[in-house]
Every structure is written in C-alpha cells, then in structure tokens.
Protein backbone atom coordinates (compact mmCIF):
# COMPACT_ATOMS: atom_id res chain seq x y z
CA MET A 1 24.49 2.05 -15.55
CA ALA A 2 23.38 -1.32 -14.20
CA ARG A 3 24.46 -4.49 -15.91
CA GLN A 4 22.01 -5.91 -18.43
CA TRP A 5 21.71 -9.66 -17.89
CA THR A 6 20.52 -11.95 -20.67
CA GLN A 7 18.03 -14.67 -19.73
CA GLU A 8 20.78 -17.27 -20.26
CA GLN A 9 23.09 -15.41 -17.85
CA LYS A 10 20.30 -15.10 -15.28
CA ASP A 11 19.57 -18.83 -15.51
CA ARG A 12 23.25 -19.73 -15.15
CA GLN A 13 23.72 -17.40 -12.16
CA SER A 14 20.57 -18.77 -10.55
CA ALA A 15 21.84 -22.33 -10.91
CA LEU A 16 25.24 -21.39 -9.48
CA ILE A 17 23.69 -19.69 -6.47
CA ARG A 18 21.44 -22.69 -5.83
CA SER A 19 24.51 -24.94 -5.91
CA TRP A 20 26.42 -22.65 -3.48
CA LYS A 21 23.45 -22.31 -1.08
CA PRO A 22 24.81 -19.17 0.63
CA TRP A 23 21.68 -18.99 2.81
CA THR A 24 22.87 -22.09 4.72
CA ARG A 25 25.88 -20.14 6.03
CA SER A 26 24.07 -16.89 6.72
CA THR A 27 23.54 -16.84 10.47
CA GLY A 28 23.66 -13.19 11.40
CA PRO A 29 25.87 -11.93 14.19
CA ARG A 30 27.54 -14.65 16.24
CA THR A 31 29.50 -12.77 18.89
CA ALA A 32 28.10 -10.65 21.71
CA THR A 33 29.75 -7.63 20.13
CA GLY A 34 28.13 -8.34 16.76
CA LYS A 35 24.73 -8.89 18.34
CA ALA A 36 25.02 -5.64 20.27
CA GLU A 37 25.95 -3.77 17.08
CA ALA A 38 22.98 -5.26 15.21
CA SER A 39 20.70 -4.21 18.05
CA ARG A 40 22.07 -0.65 17.93
CA ASN A 41 21.45 -0.55 14.17
CA ARG A 42 17.80 -1.37 14.78
CA GLN A 43 17.51 1.22 17.51
CA LYS A 44 19.09 3.89 15.31
CA ALA A 45 16.61 3.09 12.53
CA LEU A 46 13.68 3.37 14.95
CA GLU A 47 14.94 6.69 16.29
CA LYS A 48 15.34 8.02 12.75
CA ALA A 49 11.80 6.93 11.84
CA ARG A 50 10.38 8.56 14.97
CA LYS A 51 12.18 11.81 14.18
CA GLU A 52 10.88 11.78 10.60
CA VAL A 53 7.31 11.27 11.85
CA ALA A 54 7.71 14.08 14.39
CA ASP A 55 9.10 16.38 11.69
CA ALA A 56 6.20 15.52 9.39
CA ARG A 57 3.68 16.22 12.16
CA LYS A 58 5.33 19.58 12.81
CA ALA A 59 5.27 20.46 9.11
CA LEU A 60 1.59 19.51 8.87
CA THR A 61 0.74 21.61 11.90
CA GLU A 62 2.61 24.59 10.46
CA ALA A 63 0.87 24.14 7.11
CA GLN A 64 -2.53 23.93 8.77
CA ASP A 65 -1.79 27.07 10.82
CA ALA A 66 -0.71 28.93 7.68
CA LEU A 67 -3.89 27.91 5.87
CA GLU A 68 -6.01 29.07 8.79
CA ARG A 69 -4.22 32.44 8.82
CA LEU A 70 -5.03 32.78 5.11
CA GLY A 71 -8.65 31.93 5.79
CA CYS A 72 -8.55 28.62 3.93
CA LYS A 73 -9.96 25.34 5.14
CA SER A 74 -7.34 22.59 5.14
CA SER A 75 -8.03 19.42 3.18
CA PHE A 76 -6.62 17.12 5.87
CA ASP A 77 -7.55 16.33 9.42
CA LEU A 78 -4.47 16.72 11.59
CA ALA A 79 -6.01 14.83 14.52
CA THR A 80 -6.56 11.77 12.31
CA ILE A 81 -3.01 11.88 10.99
CA VAL A 82 -1.59 12.16 14.52
CA ALA A 83 -3.76 9.22 15.64
CA LEU A 84 -2.61 7.08 12.71
CA THR A 85 1.06 7.77 13.48
CA LYS A 86 0.70 7.54 17.28
CA HIS A 87 2.73 4.32 17.60
CA PHE A 88 5.84 6.14 16.38
C-alpha cells in the first residue's frame, strides 16, 4: 500500500525539494555511451508502439471478417481506423 502523506508532511517535503533543487543537476546522459543508450530506449519504445498498432489493426480486420461471415454489419470503419493510425 502506498504511503499516506499528511498535508504537513507534503508541505515539508515540498519545501525540502525546493531547497535541494534537484532539477538543476538533472542533465540527462552526458557521455556518448549514455546518449546512445537513451536513443536506443526511444527507438525500442517506437518499435513497440508500432507493433501494438499493427497487432490492433490485425485484430480489427479479423473481427470485421468474422462479423461479415456471420452476416453482421460491423459498427466501425476499418479504413478510417487505418488512416488515423497511418503515422505509426
């Protein structure tokens, strides 16, 4: 269970953090190795998002095909969904 902070504790912690100013020392990766790793993290996240969109498109297509086989009209327009997710 998460810690339950009182308003007094929140105020005190807020004041401490403002006095420490950790954001002034937060610079991100400094070395070429660190920068390359950060770049790979971004690329991995993009690849994962693209795969999830492709999987969702495939599932929608399969669902639409199944509905058509059952003689039902689908309640979504697959072409519109594909167009909206085209940039992925």
